[in-house]
């Protein structure tokens, strides 16, 4: 697909974009770069495909970053399967129904997350996004100066700044829940160099060299600012949608969904999480 033939349209919310006809198997490097620049500017991009196989999904992902192993699938260990078929709805349906940033509880965090919608229910199954770069830009200058050099303590589990309605996250298999890492509160995007708030809830547990009560107060204050309606958008999946979101500049939350009872309410998403810069930006020295 030639970049000049690639049509990109804004979605109805305050951020987000779509490519109405996206053939991901024939994208040139120039077309892919255009999509990624749109992603970095719009925070998430929906590619409306005609359908792709797991192999094609994995191949496309490797052009966008370095896939993280997510499953025990011997053929495609980079692909996690998110479904409501044959699950304990009470135990599993709320696992991602909390505001978070993928992989923020690890030292090496995620750059981009990709979800391919193989099956989509007629109702529900949405992902909500928060524009953390936009929220940072809208902060008062004194607040920006106050938080500029702060470092946040992260650990998998319920954040000290969890949002009302958030649910307990499901840990990766075998994960040590005592593992603690730190990340800057204000990060620069590894490709665009844009400043953004990073993972202020989800895994945030405190701030280095700050009293706990003050840290919790500040993180909650930042969350109250960031999760205003003007910084939040949502996507309702259609079959064959391929969505990419930029982890450095967004947070996201799934809407809860019950166990499938038939084709009308069945969901199947293939997920790939990536690290590092896309192949078309290999000159970038930093990684997300």
C-alpha atoms as a PDB file:
ATOM      1  CA  UNK A   1       0.000   0.000   0.000  1.00  0.00           C
ATOM      2  CA  UNK A   2       1.433   3.350  -1.096  1.00  0.00           C
ATOM      3  CA  UNK A   3       1.354   6.172   1.510  1.00  0.00           C
ATOM      4  CA  UNK A   4      -0.459   8.510  -0.898  1.00  0.00           C
ATOM      5  CA  UNK A   5      -3.320   6.003  -1.244  1.00  0.00           C
ATOM      6  CA  UNK A   6      -3.645   5.626   2.526  1.00  0.00           C
ATOM      7  CA  UNK A   7      -6.736   7.417   3.797  1.00  0.00           C
ATOM      8  CA  UNK A   8      -6.625   8.441   7.460  1.00  0.00           C
ATOM      9  CA  UNK A   9      -9.665   9.873   9.237  1.00  0.00           C
ATOM     10  CA  UNK A  10     -10.169  11.359  12.684  1.00  0.00           C
ATOM     11  CA  UNK A  11     -12.558   9.551  14.995  1.00  0.00           C
ATOM     12  CA  UNK A  12     -15.434  11.407  16.638  1.00  0.00           C
ATOM     13  CA  UNK A  13     -13.752  11.884  20.022  1.00  0.00           C
ATOM     14  CA  UNK A  14     -11.105  14.414  21.004  1.00  0.00           C
ATOM     15  CA  UNK A  15      -8.339  12.036  19.857  1.00  0.00           C
ATOM     16  CA  UNK A  16      -7.958   8.790  17.931  1.00  0.00           C
ATOM     17  CA  UNK A  17      -7.923   8.023  14.197  1.00  0.00           C
ATOM     18  CA  UNK A  18      -8.810   5.263  11.759  1.00  0.00           C
ATOM     19  CA  UNK A  19      -7.606   3.933   8.437  1.00  0.00           C
ATOM     20  CA  UNK A  20     -10.853   2.816   6.727  1.00  0.00           C
ATOM     21  CA  UNK A  21      -9.184   0.409   4.284  1.00  0.00           C
ATOM     22  CA  UNK A  22      -5.958  -1.020   5.659  1.00  0.00           C
ATOM     23  CA  UNK A  23      -4.133  -3.874   3.971  1.00  0.00           C
ATOM     24  CA  UNK A  24      -1.451  -4.467   6.578  1.00  0.00           C
ATOM     25  CA  UNK A  25       0.220  -7.207   4.534  1.00  0.00           C
ATOM     26  CA  UNK A  26       1.181  -4.797   1.739  1.00  0.00           C
ATOM     27  CA  UNK A  27       2.131  -1.642   3.644  1.00  0.00           C
ATOM     28  CA  UNK A  28       5.301   0.017   2.394  1.00  0.00           C
ATOM     29  CA  UNK A  29       7.724   1.416   4.969  1.00  0.00           C
ATOM     30  CA  UNK A  30       6.549   4.913   4.044  1.00  0.00           C
ATOM     31  CA  UNK A  31       2.891   3.973   4.602  1.00  0.00           C
ATOM     32  CA  UNK A  32       3.719   2.294   7.914  1.00  0.00           C
ATOM     33  CA  UNK A  33       5.651   5.370   9.015  1.00  0.00           C
ATOM     34  CA  UNK A  34       2.646   7.551   8.181  1.00  0.00           C
ATOM     35  CA  UNK A  35       0.381   5.326  10.287  1.00  0.00           C
ATOM     36  CA  UNK A  36       2.812   5.403  13.208  1.00  0.00           C
ATOM     37  CA  UNK A  37       3.209   9.180  13.087  1.00  0.00           C
ATOM     38  CA  UNK A  38      -0.585   9.368  13.167  1.00  0.00           C
ATOM     39  CA  UNK A  39      -0.553   6.996  16.144  1.00  0.00           C
ATOM     40  CA  UNK A  40       1.908   9.168  18.030  1.00  0.00           C
ATOM     41  CA  UNK A  41      -0.205  12.253  17.356  1.00  0.00           C
ATOM     42  CA  UNK A  42      -3.634  10.689  17.943  1.00  0.00           C
ATOM     43  CA  UNK A  43      -2.688   8.163  20.697  1.00  0.00           C
ATOM     44  CA  UNK A  44      -4.574   5.247  19.083  1.00  0.00           C
ATOM     45  CA  UNK A  45      -5.295   4.179  15.513  1.00  0.00           C
ATOM     46  CA  UNK A  46      -7.911   1.712  14.280  1.00  0.00           C
ATOM     47  CA  UNK A  47      -7.014  -0.168  11.100  1.00  0.00           C
ATOM     48  CA  UNK A  48     -10.147  -1.479   9.379  1.00  0.00           C
ATOM     49  CA  UNK A  49      -8.808  -4.645   7.746  1.00  0.00           C
ATOM     50  CA  UNK A  50     -10.362  -7.311   5.525  1.00  0.00           C
ATOM     51  CA  UNK A  51      -9.083  -9.955   7.907  1.00  0.00           C
ATOM     52  CA  UNK A  52      -5.611 -11.254   8.758  1.00  0.00           C
ATOM     53  CA  UNK A  53      -4.198 -14.561   9.962  1.00  0.00           C
ATOM     54  CA  UNK A  54      -2.189 -15.000  13.151  1.00  0.00           C
ATOM     55  CA  UNK A  55       0.949 -15.324  11.058  1.00  0.00           C
ATOM     56  CA  UNK A  56       0.215 -12.057   9.255  1.00  0.00           C
ATOM     57  CA  UNK A  57      -0.553 -10.356  12.573  1.00  0.00           C
ATOM     58  CA  UNK A  58       2.746 -11.519  14.071  1.00  0.00           C
ATOM     59  CA  UNK A  59       4.690 -10.486  10.971  1.00  0.00           C
ATOM     60  CA  UNK A  60       3.143  -7.017  11.005  1.00  0.00           C
ATOM     61  CA  UNK A  61       3.864  -6.681  14.731  1.00  0.00           C
ATOM     62  CA  UNK A  62       7.562  -7.371  14.185  1.00  0.00           C
ATOM     63  CA  UNK A  63       7.707  -4.343  11.877  1.00  0.00           C
ATOM     64  CA  UNK A  64       6.261  -2.198  14.674  1.00  0.00           C
ATOM     65  CA  UNK A  65       8.452  -3.392  17.547  1.00  0.00           C
ATOM     66  CA  UNK A  66       9.852  -6.345  19.461  1.00  0.00           C
ATOM     67  CA  UNK A  67       7.004  -8.660  20.579  1.00  0.00           C
ATOM     68  CA  UNK A  68       6.831  -9.660  24.237  1.00  0.00           C
ATOM     69  CA  UNK A  69       6.136 -13.329  24.983  1.00  0.00           C
ATOM     70  CA  UNK A  70       2.556 -13.436  26.291  1.00  0.00           C
ATOM     71  CA  UNK A  71       1.361 -17.030  25.953  1.00  0.00           C
ATOM     72  CA  UNK A  72       2.340 -20.701  25.883  1.00  0.00           C
ATOM     73  CA  UNK A  73       1.217 -20.990  22.259  1.00  0.00           C
ATOM     74  CA  UNK A  74       4.124 -22.841  20.630  1.00  0.00           C
ATOM     75  CA  UNK A  75       3.396 -21.369  17.192  1.00  0.00           C
ATOM     76  CA  UNK A  76       2.680 -17.781  18.260  1.00  0.00           C
ATOM     77  CA  UNK A  77       3.969 -17.163  21.812  1.00  0.00           C
ATOM     78  CA  UNK A  78       3.697 -13.407  21.219  1.00  0.00           C
ATOM     79  CA  UNK A  79      -0.087 -13.601  20.846  1.00  0.00           C
ATOM     80  CA  UNK A  80      -2.377 -13.624  23.884  1.00  0.00           C
ATOM     81  CA  UNK A  81      -5.992 -14.666  23.376  1.00  0.00           C
ATOM     82  CA  UNK A  82      -8.609 -12.559  25.139  1.00  0.00           C
ATOM     83  CA  UNK A  83     -12.004 -14.259  25.092  1.00  0.00           C
ATOM     84  CA  UNK A  84     -15.192 -14.698  27.068  1.00  0.00           C
ATOM     85  CA  UNK A  85     -15.750 -18.255  25.832  1.00  0.00           C
ATOM     86  CA  UNK A  86     -15.457 -21.006  28.444  1.00  0.00           C
ATOM     87  CA  UNK A  87     -14.375 -18.700  31.253  1.00  0.00           C
ATOM     88  CA  UNK A  88     -15.367 -18.132  34.855  1.00  0.00           C
ATOM     89  CA  UNK A  89     -17.014 -14.736  34.281  1.00  0.00           C
ATOM     90  CA  UNK A  90     -16.767 -13.658  37.900  1.00  0.00           C
ATOM     91  CA  UNK A  91     -13.084 -14.465  38.137  1.00  0.00           C
ATOM     92  CA  UNK A  92     -11.875 -13.281  34.736  1.00  0.00           C
ATOM     93  CA  UNK A  93     -14.138 -10.693  33.154  1.00  0.00           C
ATOM     94  CA  UNK A  94     -12.926  -7.779  35.270  1.00  0.00           C
ATOM     95  CA  UNK A  95      -9.190  -8.422  34.946  1.00  0.00           C
ATOM     96  CA  UNK A  96      -8.510  -5.464  32.625  1.00  0.00           C
ATOM     97  CA  UNK A  97     -11.372  -3.278  33.862  1.00  0.00           C
ATOM     98  CA  UNK A  98      -9.077  -0.801  35.557  1.00  0.00           C
ATOM     99  CA  UNK A  99      -7.066   2.150  34.286  1.00  0.00           C
ATOM    100  CA  UNK A 100      -3.483   1.065  33.591  1.00  0.00           C
ATOM    101  CA  UNK A 101      -0.513   1.223  31.242  1.00  0.00           C
ATOM    102  CA  UNK A 102       0.713  -2.083  29.826  1.00  0.00           C
ATOM    103  CA  UNK A 103       3.902  -3.445  31.388  1.00  0.00           C
ATOM    104  CA  UNK A 104       4.406  -0.449  33.723  1.00  0.00           C
ATOM    105  CA  UNK A 105       5.189  -2.907  36.545  1.00  0.00           C
ATOM    106  CA  UNK A 106       8.302  -4.072  34.698  1.00  0.00           C
ATOM    107  CA  UNK A 107      11.674  -2.367  34.223  1.00  0.00           C
ATOM    108  CA  UNK A 108      11.373  -2.594  30.435  1.00  0.00           C
ATOM    109  CA  UNK A 109       7.972  -1.210  29.568  1.00  0.00           C
ATOM    110  CA  UNK A 110       5.808  -1.543  26.465  1.00  0.00           C
ATOM    111  CA  UNK A 111       5.912   0.773  23.469  1.00  0.00           C
ATOM    112  CA  UNK A 112       2.766  -0.198  21.552  1.00  0.00           C
ATOM    113  CA  UNK A 113      -0.068  -2.641  22.188  1.00  0.00           C
ATOM    114  CA  UNK A 114      -2.016  -4.165  19.295  1.00  0.00           C
ATOM    115  CA  UNK A 115      -5.392  -5.928  19.431  1.00  0.00           C
ATOM    116  CA  UNK A 116      -6.979  -7.763  16.512  1.00  0.00           C
ATOM    117  CA  UNK A 117     -10.718  -8.403  16.804  1.00  0.00           C
ATOM    118  CA  UNK A 118     -11.467 -11.902  15.469  1.00  0.00           C
ATOM    119  CA  UNK A 119     -14.953 -11.963  17.022  1.00  0.00           C
ATOM    120  CA  UNK A 120     -16.886  -9.035  18.489  1.00  0.00           C
ATOM    121  CA  UNK A 121     -20.135  -9.002  20.483  1.00  0.00           C
ATOM    122  CA  UNK A 122     -23.015  -6.803  19.372  1.00  0.00           C
ATOM    123  CA  UNK A 123     -22.930  -4.960  22.715  1.00  0.00           C
ATOM    124  CA  UNK A 124     -20.090  -4.092  25.096  1.00  0.00           C
ATOM    125  CA  UNK A 125     -16.419  -5.020  24.677  1.00  0.00           C
ATOM    126  CA  UNK A 126     -14.957  -1.526  24.503  1.00  0.00           C
ATOM    127  CA  UNK A 127     -11.576  -0.087  25.377  1.00  0.00           C
ATOM    128  CA  UNK A 128     -11.374   3.362  26.961  1.00  0.00           C
ATOM    129  CA  UNK A 129      -8.286   5.519  26.484  1.00  0.00           C
ATOM    130  CA  UNK A 130      -6.887   8.491  28.382  1.00  0.00           C
ATOM    131  CA  UNK A 131      -4.614  11.000  26.614  1.00  0.00           C
ATOM    132  CA  UNK A 132      -1.787  11.431  29.106  1.00  0.00           C
ATOM    133  CA  UNK A 133       0.266  13.740  26.883  1.00  0.00           C
ATOM    134  CA  UNK A 134      -2.728  16.035  26.436  1.00  0.00           C
ATOM    135  CA  UNK A 135      -3.352  15.950  30.174  1.00  0.00           C
ATOM    136  CA  UNK A 136       0.273  16.888  30.863  1.00  0.00           C
ATOM    137  CA  UNK A 137       0.173  19.778  28.378  1.00  0.00           C
ATOM    138  CA  UNK A 138      -2.927  21.171  30.107  1.00  0.00           C
ATOM    139  CA  UNK A 139      -1.363  21.207  33.585  1.00  0.00           C
ATOM    140  CA  UNK A 140      -0.597  24.581  35.197  1.00  0.00           C
ATOM    141  CA  UNK A 141       3.054  25.551  34.848  1.00  0.00           C
ATOM    142  CA  UNK A 142       3.710  25.416  38.627  1.00  0.00           C
ATOM    143  CA  UNK A 143       2.464  21.815  38.671  1.00  0.00           C
ATOM    144  CA  UNK A 144       4.692  20.925  35.724  1.00  0.00           C
ATOM    145  CA  UNK A 145       7.703  22.332  37.570  1.00  0.00           C
ATOM    146  CA  UNK A 146       6.743  20.472  40.747  1.00  0.00           C
ATOM    147  CA  UNK A 147       6.516  17.053  39.072  1.00  0.00           C
ATOM    148  CA  UNK A 148       9.290  17.432  36.470  1.00  0.00           C
ATOM    149  CA  UNK A 149      11.934  15.309  38.218  1.00  0.00           C
ATOM    150  CA  UNK A 150       9.787  12.983  40.310  1.00  0.00           C
ATOM    151  CA  UNK A 151      10.099   9.204  40.134  1.00  0.00           C
ATOM    152  CA  UNK A 152       7.139   6.900  40.761  1.00  0.00           C
ATOM    153  CA  UNK A 153       7.267   3.534  42.521  1.00  0.00           C
ATOM    154  CA  UNK A 154       5.393   0.814  40.604  1.00  0.00           C
ATOM    155  CA  UNK A 155       4.225  -2.632  41.680  1.00  0.00           C
ATOM    156  CA  UNK A 156       1.618  -4.957  40.199  1.00  0.00           C
ATOM    157  CA  UNK A 157      -1.630  -4.775  42.137  1.00  0.00           C
ATOM    158  CA  UNK A 158      -4.169  -2.167  43.155  1.00  0.00           C
ATOM    159  CA  UNK A 159      -2.720   1.338  42.808  1.00  0.00           C
ATOM    160  CA  UNK A 160      -2.846   3.896  45.602  1.00  0.00           C
ATOM    161  CA  UNK A 161      -4.496   6.143  42.986  1.00  0.00           C
ATOM    162  CA  UNK A 162      -6.990   3.557  41.694  1.00  0.00           C
ATOM    163  CA  UNK A 163     -10.024   5.128  40.058  1.00  0.00           C
ATOM    164  CA  UNK A 164     -13.591   4.558  41.294  1.00  0.00           C
ATOM    165  CA  UNK A 165     -14.921   1.384  39.702  1.00  0.00           C
ATOM    166  CA  UNK A 166     -11.485  -0.097  39.004  1.00  0.00           C
ATOM    167  CA  UNK A 167     -11.091  -3.821  39.610  1.00  0.00           C
ATOM    168  CA  UNK A 168      -8.217  -5.919  40.897  1.00  0.00           C
ATOM    169  CA  UNK A 169      -5.790  -6.722  38.049  1.00  0.00           C
ATOM    170  CA  UNK A 170      -4.876 -10.318  37.237  1.00  0.00           C
ATOM    171  CA  UNK A 171      -1.108 -10.911  37.627  1.00  0.00           C
ATOM    172  CA  UNK A 172       0.909 -12.706  34.955  1.00  0.00           C
ATOM    173  CA  UNK A 173       1.376 -16.410  35.692  1.00  0.00           C
ATOM    174  CA  UNK A 174       4.203 -16.865  38.189  1.00  0.00           C
ATOM    175  CA  UNK A 175       4.676 -13.135  38.771  1.00  0.00           C
ATOM    176  CA  UNK A 176       6.189 -12.131  42.130  1.00  0.00           C
ATOM    177  CA  UNK A 177       3.759  -9.543  43.484  1.00  0.00           C
ATOM    178  CA  UNK A 178       6.511  -8.016  45.604  1.00  0.00           C
ATOM    179  CA  UNK A 179       8.547  -6.959  42.555  1.00  0.00           C
ATOM    180  CA  UNK A 180       8.956  -3.173  42.608  1.00  0.00           C
ATOM    181  CA  UNK A 181      10.330  -0.900  39.880  1.00  0.00           C
ATOM    182  CA  UNK A 182      10.519   2.857  39.304  1.00  0.00           C
ATOM    183  CA  UNK A 183       9.735   5.087  36.317  1.00  0.00           C
ATOM    184  CA  UNK A 184       9.775   8.857  35.806  1.00  0.00           C
ATOM    185  CA  UNK A 185       6.455  10.545  36.478  1.00  0.00           C
ATOM    186  CA  UNK A 186       7.036  12.735  33.416  1.00  0.00           C
ATOM    187  CA  UNK A 187       8.540  10.884  30.464  1.00  0.00           C
ATOM    188  CA  UNK A 188       9.618  12.009  27.023  1.00  0.00           C
ATOM    189  CA  UNK A 189       8.229   9.990  24.149  1.00  0.00           C
ATOM    190  CA  UNK A 190      11.041   7.856  22.669  1.00  0.00           C
ATOM    191  CA  UNK A 191      10.195   8.854  19.084  1.00  0.00           C
ATOM    192  CA  UNK A 192       8.592  12.323  19.244  1.00  0.00           C
ATOM    193  CA  UNK A 193      10.298  13.593  22.447  1.00  0.00           C
ATOM    194  CA  UNK A 194       6.907  14.906  23.614  1.00  0.00           C
ATOM    195  CA  UNK A 195       6.476  15.152  27.378  1.00  0.00           C
ATOM    196  CA  UNK A 196       3.731  13.052  28.955  1.00  0.00           C
ATOM    197  CA  UNK A 197       2.473  11.852  32.306  1.00  0.00           C
ATOM    198  CA  UNK A 198       3.283   8.169  32.678  1.00  0.00           C
ATOM    199  CA  UNK A 199       1.244   5.449  34.440  1.00  0.00           C
ATOM    200  CA  UNK A 200      -0.089   7.638  37.231  1.00  0.00           C
ATOM    201  CA  UNK A 201      -2.459   4.865  38.286  1.00  0.00           C
ATOM    202  CA  UNK A 202      -2.723   1.135  37.608  1.00  0.00           C
ATOM    203  CA  UNK A 203       0.584   0.185  39.252  1.00  0.00           C
ATOM    204  CA  UNK A 204       1.667   3.427  40.974  1.00  0.00           C
ATOM    205  CA  UNK A 205       2.315   2.878  44.698  1.00  0.00           C
ATOM    206  CA  UNK A 206       4.243   5.964  45.792  1.00  0.00           C
ATOM    207  CA  UNK A 207       6.892   8.505  44.845  1.00  0.00           C
ATOM    208  CA  UNK A 208      10.594   8.216  45.653  1.00  0.00           C
ATOM    209  CA  UNK A 209      11.757  10.413  48.594  1.00  0.00           C
ATOM    210  CA  UNK A 210       8.225  11.683  49.231  1.00  0.00           C
ATOM    211  CA  UNK A 211       6.077  10.969  52.258  1.00  0.00           C
ATOM    212  CA  UNK A 212       3.445   8.389  51.382  1.00  0.00           C
ATOM    213  CA  UNK A 213       0.471  10.591  52.233  1.00  0.00           C
ATOM    214  CA  UNK A 214       1.825  13.423  50.065  1.00  0.00           C
ATOM    215  CA  UNK A 215       2.596  11.017  47.217  1.00  0.00           C
ATOM    216  CA  UNK A 216      -0.891   9.536  47.267  1.00  0.00           C
ATOM    217  CA  UNK A 217      -2.411  13.004  47.350  1.00  0.00           C
ATOM    218  CA  UNK A 218      -0.359  14.141  44.355  1.00  0.00           C
ATOM    219  CA  UNK A 219      -1.047  11.012  42.282  1.00  0.00           C
ATOM    220  CA  UNK A 220      -4.768  11.282  42.958  1.00  0.00           C
ATOM    221  CA  UNK A 221      -4.704  14.990  42.108  1.00  0.00           C
ATOM    222  CA  UNK A 222      -3.061  14.191  38.777  1.00  0.00           C
ATOM    223  CA  UNK A 223      -5.617  11.456  38.120  1.00  0.00           C
ATOM    224  CA  UNK A 224      -8.526  13.803  38.828  1.00  0.00           C
ATOM    225  CA  UNK A 225      -7.060  16.134  36.217  1.00  0.00           C
ATOM    226  CA  UNK A 226      -6.160  13.494  33.608  1.00  0.00           C
ATOM    227  CA  UNK A 227      -9.402  11.522  33.641  1.00  0.00           C
ATOM    228  CA  UNK A 228     -11.610  14.444  32.746  1.00  0.00           C
ATOM    229  CA  UNK A 229     -13.962  13.714  29.839  1.00  0.00           C
ATOM    230  CA  UNK A 230     -11.934  15.905  27.476  1.00  0.00           C
ATOM    231  CA  UNK A 231      -8.956  13.555  27.783  1.00  0.00           C
ATOM    232  CA  UNK A 232     -10.936  10.289  27.490  1.00  0.00           C
ATOM    233  CA  UNK A 233     -12.082   8.408  24.367  1.00  0.00           C
ATOM    234  CA  UNK A 234     -13.396   4.899  23.738  1.00  0.00           C
ATOM    235  CA  UNK A 235     -13.394   2.332  20.943  1.00  0.00           C
ATOM    236  CA  UNK A 236     -16.115  -0.220  20.179  1.00  0.00           C
ATOM    237  CA  UNK A 237     -14.606  -3.173  18.340  1.00  0.00           C
ATOM    238  CA  UNK A 238     -15.879  -4.466  15.036  1.00  0.00           C
ATOM    239  CA  UNK A 239     -14.854  -7.789  13.531  1.00  0.00           C
ATOM    240  CA  UNK A 240     -11.452  -7.536  11.766  1.00  0.00           C
ATOM    241  CA  UNK A 241     -10.497  -4.269  13.512  1.00  0.00           C
ATOM    242  CA  UNK A 242      -6.783  -4.003  14.275  1.00  0.00           C
ATOM    243  CA  UNK A 243      -6.148  -1.314  16.871  1.00  0.00           C
ATOM    244  CA  UNK A 244      -2.786   0.080  17.965  1.00  0.00           C
ATOM    245  CA  UNK A 245      -2.271   2.324  20.967  1.00  0.00           C
ATOM    246  CA  UNK A 246       0.769   4.240  22.156  1.00  0.00           C
ATOM    247  CA  UNK A 247       1.590   3.114  25.697  1.00  0.00           C
ATOM    248  CA  UNK A 248       3.933   6.006  26.618  1.00  0.00           C
ATOM    249  CA  UNK A 249       1.163   8.595  26.098  1.00  0.00           C
ATOM    250  CA  UNK A 250      -2.002   6.693  27.055  1.00  0.00           C
ATOM    251  CA  UNK A 251      -3.702   4.733  29.770  1.00  0.00           C
ATOM    252  CA  UNK A 252      -6.526   2.345  28.983  1.00  0.00           C
ATOM    253  CA  UNK A 253      -9.284   0.333  30.614  1.00  0.00           C
ATOM    254  CA  UNK A 254     -11.531  -2.435  29.338  1.00  0.00           C
ATOM    255  CA  UNK A 255     -15.277  -2.389  29.857  1.00  0.00           C
ATOM    256  CA  UNK A 256     -16.496  -5.538  31.676  1.00  0.00           C
ATOM    257  CA  UNK A 257     -18.121  -8.314  29.664  1.00  0.00           C
ATOM    258  CA  UNK A 258     -19.859 -11.478  30.828  1.00  0.00           C
ATOM    259  CA  UNK A 259     -19.302 -15.053  29.696  1.00  0.00           C
ATOM    260  CA  UNK A 260     -20.405 -15.821  26.143  1.00  0.00           C
ATOM    261  CA  UNK A 261     -23.771 -17.499  25.655  1.00  0.00           C
ATOM    262  CA  UNK A 262     -23.744 -17.559  21.830  1.00  0.00           C
ATOM    263  CA  UNK A 263     -22.414 -15.854  18.676  1.00  0.00           C
ATOM    264  CA  UNK A 264     -24.072 -12.503  19.474  1.00  0.00           C
ATOM    265  CA  UNK A 265     -22.080 -11.940  22.671  1.00  0.00           C
ATOM    266  CA  UNK A 266     -18.837 -13.778  21.867  1.00  0.00           C
ATOM    267  CA  UNK A 267     -15.547 -11.914  21.980  1.00  0.00           C
ATOM    268  CA  UNK A 268     -12.141 -13.054  20.740  1.00  0.00           C
ATOM    269  CA  UNK A 269      -9.226 -10.637  20.620  1.00  0.00           C
ATOM    270  CA  UNK A 270      -5.626 -11.424  19.697  1.00  0.00           C
ATOM    271  CA  UNK A 271      -3.209  -9.219  21.629  1.00  0.00           C
ATOM    272  CA  UNK A 272       0.441  -8.416  21.006  1.00  0.00           C
ATOM    273  CA  UNK A 273       2.484  -6.086  23.222  1.00  0.00           C
ATOM    274  CA  UNK A 274       5.701  -4.599  21.873  1.00  0.00           C
ATOM    275  CA  UNK A 275       8.921  -3.067  23.107  1.00  0.00           C
ATOM    276  CA  UNK A 276      11.412  -0.855  21.328  1.00  0.00           C
ATOM    277  CA  UNK A 277      11.171   1.424  18.286  1.00  0.00           C
ATOM    278  CA  UNK A 278       9.500   0.366  15.010  1.00  0.00           C
ATOM    279  CA  UNK A 279      11.782  -0.692  12.182  1.00  0.00           C
ATOM    280  CA  UNK A 280      11.098   2.578  10.334  1.00  0.00           C
ATOM    281  CA  UNK A 281      12.440   4.522  13.370  1.00  0.00           C
ATOM    282  CA  UNK A 282      15.467   2.376  14.197  1.00  0.00           C
ATOM    283  CA  UNK A 283      17.625   5.508  14.457  1.00  0.00           C
ATOM    284  CA  UNK A 284      15.841   6.376  17.709  1.00  0.00           C
ATOM    285  CA  UNK A 285      18.353   5.894  20.499  1.00  0.00           C
ATOM    286  CA  UNK A 286      15.827   5.310  23.267  1.00  0.00           C
ATOM    287  CA  UNK A 287      13.173   2.641  23.628  1.00  0.00           C
ATOM    288  CA  UNK A 288       9.733   2.851  25.183  1.00  0.00           C
END
